[in-house]
Amino acid sequence: MKKFLIRAILFCALIVVSLIAIVVLVSPLVRAKNDYVAATIDKENRLHSLPSPKIIFVGGSNLAFGINSNAISKKLNYPVVNMSLHGGLGLSYMLNEALDGVRKSDVVLLSTEYYLDKPELKLLTQLMDANPNAKKYIKLKPDELIPFYISDLQRCVTSSVKVIGKQFSDNIYIRNGFTVEGDLVSHLNKKNVPLVSPRLKEIDYTDDLQLINTFIDAVKKKGATVYYLFPTYQQSTFTLNKKAVTDFATLFHKNLKCPIINTPDTFVYNDSLYFNSEYHLNKQGREIRTQKLIEILSKNILTK
């Protein structure tokens, strides 16, 4: 039995090593420098180069698609960096990445999608390939290693097929689709995509809240401030999931260690103001939300 276990461990180790070797050899040949996740390179550079005090937006694509950081910066007279990209990167990554650049007197505005939880491994492989610096913000559990490298191998195969077939990124989810501040604008002149309202799945959010509160404590230790904002949400999806959203809000109000400066319905708008997701505002919706956001921030930041 002991010999069998040793052989099994060695076999698994061989698989991991083989997968790593294949990925290392193939990745540079199929890397797309204009990938959507490569925008993290520019966001991180801006985060670390901006003077403080600055405003740092942290969250998923509800912020990437849904705010005009330049307008906010001009109105509030703060330099702004929008670190948000994709909820599929997971809470741990987005919080660790932002925390690394927080400095004294900064204002962190956290706005996560509802029940945002574990990352998508395939998306993490794309991220770590496009931005090697991202590795220091990601911690994989032992049981996630083999699935991760399998996902990475799949990414290499898919990328290889695209390169051979000369199929490149679309014209929306691209690195150069972002503004200097970190807002995605490549979708602003596109037509809305028909949307279906998905039902929210309520999950045990104890560990995730602890992760957020640990982040809040760390930000405070740096002499900075954190505020939480409920995300934008299309009206039909909000109506369908009102109980789940209410439960989420109640949980946050009871347990979150930072001020919550809006309500779940603050940024809920008509479906016509959403582009291709219940969280992704179109051009008109983005401006409406930005103006409302400026009003909220003016009351909660400039008065401090």
C-alpha atoms as a PDB file:
ATOM      1  CA  MET A   1       0.000   0.000   0.000  1.00  0.00           C
ATOM      2  CA  LYS A   2       2.862   2.347   0.897  1.00  0.00           C
ATOM      3  CA  LYS A   3       4.572   1.703  -2.461  1.00  0.00           C
ATOM      4  CA  PHE A   4       1.296   2.410  -4.264  1.00  0.00           C
ATOM      5  CA  LEU A   5       0.883   5.750  -2.498  1.00  0.00           C
ATOM      6  CA  ILE A   6       4.452   6.745  -3.315  1.00  0.00           C
ATOM      7  CA  ARG A   7       3.938   5.844  -6.975  1.00  0.00           C
ATOM      8  CA  ALA A   8       0.646   7.753  -7.051  1.00  0.00           C
ATOM      9  CA  ILE A   9       2.287  10.851  -5.558  1.00  0.00           C
ATOM     10  CA  LEU A  10       5.184  10.620  -8.008  1.00  0.00           C
ATOM     11  CA  PHE A  11       2.766  10.165 -10.903  1.00  0.00           C
ATOM     12  CA  CYS A  12       0.785  13.268  -9.848  1.00  0.00           C
ATOM     13  CA  ALA A  13       4.010  15.222  -9.450  1.00  0.00           C
ATOM     14  CA  LEU A  14       5.088  14.128 -12.944  1.00  0.00           C
ATOM     15  CA  ILE A  15       1.771  15.325 -14.365  1.00  0.00           C
ATOM     16  CA  VAL A  16       2.131  18.729 -12.686  1.00  0.00           C
ATOM     17  CA  VAL A  17       5.738  19.122 -13.842  1.00  0.00           C
ATOM     18  CA  SER A  18       4.795  18.093 -17.392  1.00  0.00           C
ATOM     19  CA  LEU A  19       1.897  20.549 -17.500  1.00  0.00           C
ATOM     20  CA  ILE A  20       4.118  23.352 -16.207  1.00  0.00           C
ATOM     21  CA  ALA A  21       6.771  22.554 -18.811  1.00  0.00           C
ATOM     22  CA  ILE A  22       4.247  22.610 -21.655  1.00  0.00           C
ATOM     23  CA  VAL A  23       2.743  25.877 -20.442  1.00  0.00           C
ATOM     24  CA  VAL A  24       6.158  27.530 -20.016  1.00  0.00           C
ATOM     25  CA  LEU A  25       7.201  26.552 -23.534  1.00  0.00           C
ATOM     26  CA  VAL A  26       3.949  27.398 -25.320  1.00  0.00           C
ATOM     27  CA  SER A  27       2.731  30.517 -23.461  1.00  0.00           C
ATOM     28  CA  PRO A  28       5.231  33.013 -24.887  1.00  0.00           C
ATOM     29  CA  LEU A  29       4.362  31.884 -28.407  1.00  0.00           C
ATOM     30  CA  VAL A  30       0.616  32.449 -28.077  1.00  0.00           C
ATOM     31  CA  ARG A  31       0.498  35.395 -25.662  1.00  0.00           C
ATOM     32  CA  ALA A  32      -1.849  38.203 -26.705  1.00  0.00           C
ATOM     33  CA  LYS A  33      -0.544  41.453 -25.259  1.00  0.00           C
ATOM     34  CA  ASN A  34      -3.869  43.170 -25.859  1.00  0.00           C
ATOM     35  CA  ASP A  35      -5.899  40.685 -23.789  1.00  0.00           C
ATOM     36  CA  TYR A  36      -8.523  42.166 -21.492  1.00  0.00           C
ATOM     37  CA  VAL A  37      -6.766  40.912 -18.346  1.00  0.00           C
ATOM     38  CA  ALA A  38      -3.499  42.525 -19.454  1.00  0.00           C
ATOM     39  CA  ALA A  39      -5.109  45.836 -18.482  1.00  0.00           C
ATOM     40  CA  THR A  40      -4.146  44.946 -14.907  1.00  0.00           C
ATOM     41  CA  ILE A  41      -0.576  45.914 -15.827  1.00  0.00           C
ATOM     42  CA  ASP A  42      -1.647  49.478 -16.622  1.00  0.00           C
ATOM     43  CA  LYS A  43      -3.950  49.680 -13.611  1.00  0.00           C
ATOM     44  CA  GLU A  44      -1.200  48.554 -11.243  1.00  0.00           C
ATOM     45  CA  ASN A  45       1.276  51.008 -12.751  1.00  0.00           C
ATOM     46  CA  ARG A  46      -1.162  53.866 -12.232  1.00  0.00           C
ATOM     47  CA  LEU A  47      -2.040  52.717  -8.711  1.00  0.00           C
ATOM     48  CA  HIS A  48       1.585  52.799  -7.625  1.00  0.00           C
ATOM     49  CA  SER A  49       2.531  56.009  -9.433  1.00  0.00           C
ATOM     50  CA  LEU A  50      -0.351  58.297  -8.415  1.00  0.00           C
ATOM     51  CA  PRO A  51       0.265  60.706  -5.536  1.00  0.00           C
ATOM     52  CA  SER A  52      -1.867  60.462  -2.421  1.00  0.00           C
ATOM     53  CA  PRO A  53      -4.514  61.213  -1.435  1.00  0.00           C
ATOM     54  CA  LYS A  54      -6.158  59.378  -4.319  1.00  0.00           C
ATOM     55  CA  ILE A  55      -9.441  57.542  -4.903  1.00  0.00           C
ATOM     56  CA  ILE A  56      -9.130  53.818  -5.613  1.00  0.00           C
ATOM     57  CA  PHE A  57     -12.130  51.929  -7.012  1.00  0.00           C
ATOM     58  CA  VAL A  58     -12.036  48.201  -6.242  1.00  0.00           C
ATOM     59  CA  GLY A  59     -14.552  45.631  -7.479  1.00  0.00           C
ATOM     60  CA  GLY A  60     -15.666  43.674 -10.501  1.00  0.00           C
ATOM     61  CA  SER A  61     -16.933  44.641 -13.937  1.00  0.00           C
ATOM     62  CA  ASN A  62     -19.828  46.681 -12.517  1.00  0.00           C
ATOM     63  CA  LEU A  63     -17.154  49.354 -11.952  1.00  0.00           C
ATOM     64  CA  ALA A  64     -15.017  48.582 -14.997  1.00  0.00           C
ATOM     65  CA  PHE A  65     -18.003  49.171 -17.300  1.00  0.00           C
ATOM     66  CA  GLY A  66     -19.942  51.592 -15.167  1.00  0.00           C
ATOM     67  CA  ILE A  67     -18.163  54.786 -14.090  1.00  0.00           C
ATOM     68  CA  ASN A  68     -16.470  57.843 -15.578  1.00  0.00           C
ATOM     69  CA  SER A  69     -13.395  58.224 -13.383  1.00  0.00           C
ATOM     70  CA  ASN A  70     -12.180  61.307 -15.201  1.00  0.00           C
ATOM     71  CA  ALA A  71     -15.424  63.141 -14.418  1.00  0.00           C
ATOM     72  CA  ILE A  72     -15.197  62.048 -10.783  1.00  0.00           C
ATOM     73  CA  SER A  73     -11.591  63.214 -10.549  1.00  0.00           C
ATOM     74  CA  LYS A  74     -12.373  66.646 -11.991  1.00  0.00           C
ATOM     75  CA  LYS A  75     -15.397  67.168  -9.745  1.00  0.00           C
ATOM     76  CA  LEU A  76     -13.831  65.960  -6.487  1.00  0.00           C
ATOM     77  CA  ASN A  77     -10.277  67.111  -7.215  1.00  0.00           C
ATOM     78  CA  TYR A  78      -8.753  63.713  -6.413  1.00  0.00           C
ATOM     79  CA  PRO A  79      -6.626  61.593  -8.768  1.00  0.00           C
ATOM     80  CA  VAL A  80      -8.555  58.386  -9.497  1.00  0.00           C
ATOM     81  CA  VAL A  81      -7.603  54.836 -10.432  1.00  0.00           C
ATOM     82  CA  ASN A  82     -10.239  52.254 -11.293  1.00  0.00           C
ATOM     83  CA  MET A  83      -8.672  48.884 -10.416  1.00  0.00           C
ATOM     84  CA  SER A  84     -11.809  46.925 -11.294  1.00  0.00           C
ATOM     85  CA  LEU A  85     -11.854  44.398 -14.118  1.00  0.00           C
ATOM     86  CA  HIS A  86     -13.792  41.125 -13.750  1.00  0.00           C
ATOM     87  CA  GLY A  87     -15.615  39.424 -10.866  1.00  0.00           C
ATOM     88  CA  GLY A  88     -14.230  36.101 -12.090  1.00  0.00           C
ATOM     89  CA  LEU A  89     -10.805  37.063 -10.766  1.00  0.00           C
ATOM     90  CA  GLY A  90     -12.216  36.535  -7.276  1.00  0.00           C
ATOM     91  CA  LEU A  91     -12.253  38.593  -4.100  1.00  0.00           C
ATOM     92  CA  SER A  92      -8.811  37.563  -2.875  1.00  0.00           C
ATOM     93  CA  TYR A  93      -6.987  38.754  -5.992  1.00  0.00           C
ATOM     94  CA  MET A  94      -8.761  42.087  -6.377  1.00  0.00           C
ATOM     95  CA  LEU A  95      -8.321  42.954  -2.683  1.00  0.00           C
ATOM     96  CA  ASN A  96      -4.649  41.926  -2.521  1.00  0.00           C
ATOM     97  CA  GLU A  97      -3.819  43.791  -5.718  1.00  0.00           C
ATOM     98  CA  ALA A  98      -5.428  47.012  -4.515  1.00  0.00           C
ATOM     99  CA  LEU A  99      -4.032  46.810  -0.978  1.00  0.00           C
ATOM    100  CA  ASP A 100      -0.479  46.721  -2.319  1.00  0.00           C
ATOM    101  CA  GLY A 101      -0.884  50.247  -3.688  1.00  0.00           C
ATOM    102  CA  VAL A 102      -2.869  51.846  -0.875  1.00  0.00           C
ATOM    103  CA  ARG A 103      -1.084  54.716   0.848  1.00  0.00           C
ATOM    104  CA  LYS A 104      -1.836  57.058   3.750  1.00  0.00           C
ATOM    105  CA  SER A 105      -4.888  59.318   3.210  1.00  0.00           C
ATOM    106  CA  ASP A 106      -6.164  57.323   0.214  1.00  0.00           C
ATOM    107  CA  VAL A 107      -9.895  56.690  -0.181  1.00  0.00           C
ATOM    108  CA  VAL A 108     -10.838  53.152  -1.223  1.00  0.00           C
ATOM    109  CA  LEU A 109     -14.289  52.631  -2.723  1.00  0.00           C
ATOM    110  CA  LEU A 110     -15.199  48.943  -2.700  1.00  0.00           C
ATOM    111  CA  SER A 111     -18.120  47.757  -4.831  1.00  0.00           C
ATOM    112  CA  THR A 112     -18.409  44.016  -5.373  1.00  0.00           C
ATOM    113  CA  GLU A 113     -21.043  42.127  -7.301  1.00  0.00           C
ATOM    114  CA  TYR A 114     -23.576  40.177  -5.240  1.00  0.00           C
ATOM    115  CA  TYR A 115     -22.238  36.955  -3.694  1.00  0.00           C
ATOM    116  CA  LEU A 116     -18.935  37.338  -5.507  1.00  0.00           C
ATOM    117  CA  ASP A 117     -16.894  34.349  -4.369  1.00  0.00           C
ATOM    118  CA  LYS A 118     -14.244  32.023  -5.786  1.00  0.00           C
ATOM    119  CA  PRO A 119     -12.242  32.877  -8.909  1.00  0.00           C
ATOM    120  CA  GLU A 120     -12.521  31.207 -12.284  1.00  0.00           C
ATOM    121  CA  LEU A 121      -9.305  29.198 -12.673  1.00  0.00           C
ATOM    122  CA  LYS A 122      -9.173  29.636 -16.448  1.00  0.00           C
ATOM    123  CA  LEU A 123      -9.383  33.406 -16.053  1.00  0.00           C
ATOM    124  CA  LEU A 124      -6.601  33.324 -13.459  1.00  0.00           C
ATOM    125  CA  THR A 125      -4.368  31.424 -15.872  1.00  0.00           C
ATOM    126  CA  GLN A 126      -4.963  34.107 -18.497  1.00  0.00           C
ATOM    127  CA  LEU A 127      -4.210  36.800 -15.941  1.00  0.00           C
ATOM    128  CA  MET A 128      -0.993  35.239 -14.648  1.00  0.00           C
ATOM    129  CA  ASP A 129       0.249  34.692 -18.183  1.00  0.00           C
ATOM    130  CA  ALA A 130      -0.553  38.248 -19.293  1.00  0.00           C
ATOM    131  CA  ASN A 131       0.662  39.865 -16.081  1.00  0.00           C
ATOM    132  CA  PRO A 132       3.358  37.840 -14.245  1.00  0.00           C
ATOM    133  CA  ASN A 133       3.214  40.343 -11.367  1.00  0.00           C
ATOM    134  CA  ALA A 134      -0.281  39.066 -10.581  1.00  0.00           C
ATOM    135  CA  LYS A 135       1.191  35.855  -9.178  1.00  0.00           C
ATOM    136  CA  LYS A 136       2.066  37.536  -5.891  1.00  0.00           C
ATOM    137  CA  TYR A 137      -1.600  38.396  -5.329  1.00  0.00           C
ATOM    138  CA  ILE A 138      -2.893  34.860  -5.930  1.00  0.00           C
ATOM    139  CA  LYS A 139      -2.652  31.967  -3.485  1.00  0.00           C
ATOM    140  CA  LEU A 140      -3.785  28.569  -4.712  1.00  0.00           C
ATOM    141  CA  LYS A 141      -4.640  25.737  -2.358  1.00  0.00           C
ATOM    142  CA  PRO A 142      -2.844  22.387  -2.912  1.00  0.00           C
ATOM    143  CA  ASP A 143      -6.011  20.784  -4.273  1.00  0.00           C
ATOM    144  CA  GLU A 144      -6.349  23.602  -6.816  1.00  0.00           C
ATOM    145  CA  LEU A 145      -2.921  23.155  -8.400  1.00  0.00           C
ATOM    146  CA  ILE A 146      -3.680  20.324 -10.827  1.00  0.00           C
ATOM    147  CA  PRO A 147      -7.033  21.842 -11.958  1.00  0.00           C
ATOM    148  CA  PHE A 148      -5.225  25.176 -12.352  1.00  0.00           C
ATOM    149  CA  TYR A 149      -2.497  23.764 -14.609  1.00  0.00           C
ATOM    150  CA  ILE A 150      -5.043  21.783 -16.600  1.00  0.00           C
ATOM    151  CA  SER A 151      -6.918  25.068 -17.151  1.00  0.00           C
ATOM    152  CA  ASP A 152      -3.642  26.705 -18.132  1.00  0.00           C
ATOM    153  CA  LEU A 153      -2.972  23.944 -20.654  1.00  0.00           C
ATOM    154  CA  GLN A 154      -6.456  24.427 -22.101  1.00  0.00           C
ATOM    155  CA  ARG A 155      -5.726  28.148 -22.379  1.00  0.00           C
ATOM    156  CA  CYS A 156      -2.527  27.414 -24.303  1.00  0.00           C
ATOM    157  CA  VAL A 157      -4.362  25.093 -26.694  1.00  0.00           C
ATOM    158  CA  THR A 158      -7.157  27.610 -27.266  1.00  0.00           C
ATOM    159  CA  SER A 159      -4.675  30.445 -27.779  1.00  0.00           C
ATOM    160  CA  SER A 160      -2.663  28.321 -30.201  1.00  0.00           C
ATOM    161  CA  VAL A 161      -5.760  27.622 -32.278  1.00  0.00           C
ATOM    162  CA  LYS A 162      -6.535  31.346 -32.386  1.00  0.00           C
ATOM    163  CA  VAL A 163      -3.012  32.215 -33.463  1.00  0.00           C
ATOM    164  CA  ILE A 164      -2.979  29.541 -36.170  1.00  0.00           C
ATOM    165  CA  GLY A 165      -6.414  30.617 -37.386  1.00  0.00           C
ATOM    166  CA  LYS A 166      -5.533  34.307 -36.978  1.00  0.00           C
ATOM    167  CA  GLN A 167      -8.475  34.821 -34.636  1.00  0.00           C
ATOM    168  CA  PHE A 168      -7.684  37.646 -32.287  1.00  0.00           C
ATOM    169  CA  SER A 169      -9.472  39.441 -29.440  1.00  0.00           C
ATOM    170  CA  ASP A 170     -12.805  41.122 -30.064  1.00  0.00           C
ATOM    171  CA  ASN A 171     -13.004  44.907 -30.048  1.00  0.00           C
ATOM    172  CA  ILE A 172     -14.580  45.234 -26.598  1.00  0.00           C
ATOM    173  CA  TYR A 173     -12.710  43.009 -24.143  1.00  0.00           C
ATOM    174  CA  ILE A 174      -9.261  44.393 -24.884  1.00  0.00           C
ATOM    175  CA  ARG A 175      -6.457  46.064 -22.974  1.00  0.00           C
ATOM    176  CA  ASN A 176      -6.490  49.229 -25.060  1.00  0.00           C
ATOM    177  CA  GLY A 177     -10.231  49.575 -24.519  1.00  0.00           C
ATOM    178  CA  PHE A 178      -9.556  51.259 -21.164  1.00  0.00           C
ATOM    179  CA  THR A 179      -9.000  54.912 -20.319  1.00  0.00           C
ATOM    180  CA  VAL A 180      -5.886  56.080 -18.482  1.00  0.00           C
ATOM    181  CA  GLU A 181      -7.885  55.993 -15.233  1.00  0.00           C
ATOM    182  CA  GLY A 182      -8.906  52.363 -15.824  1.00  0.00           C
ATOM    183  CA  ASP A 183     -12.494  52.625 -17.144  1.00  0.00           C
ATOM    184  CA  LEU A 184     -13.569  50.388 -20.021  1.00  0.00           C
ATOM    185  CA  VAL A 185     -14.941  52.539 -22.847  1.00  0.00           C
ATOM    186  CA  SER A 186     -14.697  50.213 -25.854  1.00  0.00           C
ATOM    187  CA  HIS A 187     -18.388  49.328 -25.483  1.00  0.00           C
ATOM    188  CA  LEU A 188     -19.809  52.844 -25.260  1.00  0.00           C
ATOM    189  CA  ASN A 189     -20.874  53.206 -28.890  1.00  0.00           C
ATOM    190  CA  LYS A 190     -22.083  49.621 -29.268  1.00  0.00           C
ATOM    191  CA  LYS A 191     -25.706  48.489 -29.365  1.00  0.00           C
ATOM    192  CA  ASN A 192     -27.149  46.785 -26.303  1.00  0.00           C
ATOM    193  CA  VAL A 193     -27.180  43.000 -26.294  1.00  0.00           C
ATOM    194  CA  PRO A 194     -30.532  41.383 -25.319  1.00  0.00           C
ATOM    195  CA  LEU A 195     -30.356  40.368 -21.654  1.00  0.00           C
ATOM    196  CA  VAL A 196     -31.957  37.636 -19.576  1.00  0.00           C
ATOM    197  CA  SER A 197     -32.309  38.192 -15.839  1.00  0.00           C
ATOM    198  CA  PRO A 198     -30.287  35.499 -13.999  1.00  0.00           C
ATOM    199  CA  ARG A 199     -31.315  34.295 -10.566  1.00  0.00           C
ATOM    200  CA  LEU A 200     -28.875  34.944  -7.744  1.00  0.00           C
ATOM    201  CA  LYS A 201     -27.632  31.967  -5.793  1.00  0.00           C
ATOM    202  CA  GLU A 202     -27.333  32.750  -2.097  1.00  0.00           C
ATOM    203  CA  ILE A 203     -24.248  31.179  -0.539  1.00  0.00           C
ATOM    204  CA  ASP A 204     -22.615  31.144   2.874  1.00  0.00           C
ATOM    205  CA  TYR A 205     -20.688  34.410   2.803  1.00  0.00           C
ATOM    206  CA  THR A 206     -18.927  34.108   6.173  1.00  0.00           C
ATOM    207  CA  ASP A 207     -15.429  33.509   4.786  1.00  0.00           C
ATOM    208  CA  ASP A 208     -15.832  36.150   2.089  1.00  0.00           C
ATOM    209  CA  LEU A 209     -16.918  38.774   4.604  1.00  0.00           C
ATOM    210  CA  GLN A 210     -13.941  37.896   6.765  1.00  0.00           C
ATOM    211  CA  LEU A 211     -11.701  38.378   3.740  1.00  0.00           C
ATOM    212  CA  ILE A 212     -13.217  41.806   3.077  1.00  0.00           C
ATOM    213  CA  ASN A 213     -12.962  42.825   6.734  1.00  0.00           C
ATOM    214  CA  THR A 214      -9.317  41.744   6.837  1.00  0.00           C
ATOM    215  CA  PHE A 215      -8.745  43.991   3.828  1.00  0.00           C
ATOM    216  CA  ILE A 216     -10.537  46.873   5.549  1.00  0.00           C
ATOM    217  CA  ASP A 217      -8.396  46.465   8.671  1.00  0.00           C
ATOM    218  CA  ALA A 218      -5.227  46.436   6.564  1.00  0.00           C
ATOM    219  CA  VAL A 219      -6.290  49.599   4.716  1.00  0.00           C
ATOM    220  CA  LYS A 220      -6.993  51.356   8.015  1.00  0.00           C
ATOM    221  CA  LYS A 221      -3.543  50.378   9.332  1.00  0.00           C
ATOM    222  CA  LYS A 222      -2.071  52.174   6.330  1.00  0.00           C
ATOM    223  CA  GLY A 223      -3.896  55.344   7.316  1.00  0.00           C
ATOM    224  CA  ALA A 224      -6.423  55.121   4.485  1.00  0.00           C
ATOM    225  CA  THR A 225     -10.229  54.887   4.487  1.00  0.00           C
ATOM    226  CA  VAL A 226     -12.649  52.353   2.976  1.00  0.00           C
ATOM    227  CA  TYR A 227     -16.272  52.876   1.967  1.00  0.00           C
ATOM    228  CA  TYR A 228     -18.582  50.212   0.553  1.00  0.00           C
ATOM    229  CA  LEU A 229     -21.006  50.802  -2.322  1.00  0.00           C
ATOM    230  CA  PHE A 230     -23.680  48.361  -3.456  1.00  0.00           C
ATOM    231  CA  PRO A 231     -23.205  47.791  -7.213  1.00  0.00           C
ATOM    232  CA  THR A 232     -25.320  48.851 -10.147  1.00  0.00           C
ATOM    233  CA  TYR A 233     -27.968  46.268 -11.095  1.00  0.00           C
ATOM    234  CA  GLN A 234     -30.512  46.177 -13.886  1.00  0.00           C
ATOM    235  CA  GLN A 235     -34.118  46.660 -12.762  1.00  0.00           C
ATOM    236  CA  SER A 236     -35.589  43.320 -13.913  1.00  0.00           C
ATOM    237  CA  THR A 237     -32.777  41.342 -12.261  1.00  0.00           C
ATOM    238  CA  PHE A 238     -33.071  43.378  -9.082  1.00  0.00           C
ATOM    239  CA  THR A 239     -36.821  42.688  -8.932  1.00  0.00           C
ATOM    240  CA  LEU A 240     -36.302  38.967  -9.555  1.00  0.00           C
ATOM    241  CA  ASN A 241     -33.662  38.709  -6.826  1.00  0.00           C
ATOM    242  CA  LYS A 242     -34.950  41.233  -4.290  1.00  0.00           C
ATOM    243  CA  LYS A 243     -34.915  38.779  -1.388  1.00  0.00           C
ATOM    244  CA  ALA A 244     -31.369  37.615  -2.117  1.00  0.00           C
ATOM    245  CA  VAL A 245     -30.181  41.215  -2.474  1.00  0.00           C
ATOM    246  CA  THR A 246     -31.926  42.216   0.758  1.00  0.00           C
ATOM    247  CA  ASP A 247     -30.322  39.295   2.599  1.00  0.00           C
ATOM    248  CA  PHE A 248     -26.929  40.304   1.216  1.00  0.00           C
ATOM    249  CA  ALA A 249     -27.415  43.906   2.320  1.00  0.00           C
ATOM    250  CA  THR A 250     -28.562  42.871   5.794  1.00  0.00           C
ATOM    251  CA  LEU A 251     -25.493  40.656   6.187  1.00  0.00           C
ATOM    252  CA  PHE A 252     -23.191  43.495   5.173  1.00  0.00           C
ATOM    253  CA  HIS A 253     -24.856  46.046   7.441  1.00  0.00           C
ATOM    254  CA  LYS A 254     -24.463  43.700  10.392  1.00  0.00           C
ATOM    255  CA  ASN A 255     -20.877  42.598   9.771  1.00  0.00           C
ATOM    256  CA  LEU A 256     -18.943  44.976   7.530  1.00  0.00           C
ATOM    257  CA  LYS A 257     -16.243  47.024   9.283  1.00  0.00           C
ATOM    258  CA  CYS A 258     -16.546  50.097   7.072  1.00  0.00           C
ATOM    259  CA  PRO A 259     -19.302  52.616   6.261  1.00  0.00           C
ATOM    260  CA  ILE A 260     -21.835  51.661   3.592  1.00  0.00           C
ATOM    261  CA  ILE A 261     -22.725  54.850   1.741  1.00  0.00           C
ATOM    262  CA  ASN A 262     -25.624  53.808  -0.464  1.00  0.00           C
ATOM    263  CA  THR A 263     -28.520  51.344  -0.609  1.00  0.00           C
ATOM    264  CA  PRO A 264     -29.014  48.356  -2.934  1.00  0.00           C
ATOM    265  CA  ASP A 265     -31.485  50.303  -5.078  1.00  0.00           C
ATOM    266  CA  THR A 266     -29.319  53.427  -5.478  1.00  0.00           C
ATOM    267  CA  PHE A 267     -27.822  52.350  -8.798  1.00  0.00           C
ATOM    268  CA  VAL A 268     -30.713  50.208 -10.063  1.00  0.00           C
ATOM    269  CA  TYR A 269     -31.736  51.420 -13.513  1.00  0.00           C
ATOM    270  CA  ASN A 270     -34.042  50.506 -16.374  1.00  0.00           C
ATOM    271  CA  ASP A 271     -32.867  47.515 -18.420  1.00  0.00           C
ATOM    272  CA  SER A 272     -32.357  49.782 -21.448  1.00  0.00           C
ATOM    273  CA  LEU A 273     -29.330  51.332 -19.684  1.00  0.00           C
ATOM    274  CA  TYR A 274     -27.396  48.031 -19.598  1.00  0.00           C
ATOM    275  CA  PHE A 275     -25.092  46.834 -22.341  1.00  0.00           C
ATOM    276  CA  ASN A 276     -24.514  43.059 -22.179  1.00  0.00           C
ATOM    277  CA  SER A 277     -24.874  42.096 -18.512  1.00  0.00           C
ATOM    278  CA  GLU A 278     -27.029  42.937 -15.528  1.00  0.00           C
ATOM    279  CA  TYR A 279     -23.955  44.740 -14.125  1.00  0.00           C
ATOM    280  CA  HIS A 280     -22.633  46.442 -17.299  1.00  0.00           C
ATOM    281  CA  LEU A 281     -23.979  49.927 -17.950  1.00  0.00           C
ATOM    282  CA  ASN A 282     -24.025  51.405 -21.444  1.00  0.00           C
ATOM    283  CA  LYS A 283     -22.928  54.950 -22.313  1.00  0.00           C
ATOM    284  CA  GLN A 284     -26.057  56.673 -21.006  1.00  0.00           C
ATOM    285  CA  GLY A 285     -26.299  54.522 -17.892  1.00  0.00           C
ATOM    286  CA  ARG A 286     -22.627  55.081 -17.087  1.00  0.00           C
ATOM    287  CA  GLU A 287     -23.078  58.860 -17.049  1.00  0.00           C
ATOM    288  CA  ILE A 288     -26.246  58.711 -14.943  1.00  0.00           C
ATOM    289  CA  ARG A 289     -24.551  56.516 -12.377  1.00  0.00           C
ATOM    290  CA  THR A 290     -21.436  58.686 -12.357  1.00  0.00           C
ATOM    291  CA  GLN A 291     -23.408  61.828 -11.557  1.00  0.00           C
ATOM    292  CA  LYS A 292     -25.236  60.059  -8.731  1.00  0.00           C
ATOM    293  CA  LEU A 293     -21.932  58.684  -7.467  1.00  0.00           C
ATOM    294  CA  ILE A 294     -20.393  62.153  -7.443  1.00  0.00           C
ATOM    295  CA  GLU A 295     -23.304  63.371  -5.281  1.00  0.00           C
ATOM    296  CA  ILE A 296     -22.752  60.541  -2.802  1.00  0.00           C
ATOM    297  CA  LEU A 297     -18.993  60.974  -2.653  1.00  0.00           C
ATOM    298  CA  SER A 298     -19.301  64.736  -2.239  1.00  0.00           C
ATOM    299  CA  LYS A 299     -21.302  64.174   0.941  1.00  0.00           C
ATOM    300  CA  ASN A 300     -19.112  61.397   2.329  1.00  0.00           C
ATOM    301  CA  ILE A 301     -15.589  62.418   1.304  1.00  0.00           C
ATOM    302  CA  LEU A 302     -15.305  66.157   0.848  1.00  0.00           C
ATOM    303  CA  THR A 303     -16.913  66.747   4.242  1.00  0.00           C
ATOM    304  CA  LYS A 304     -14.285  64.654   6.043  1.00  0.00           C
END
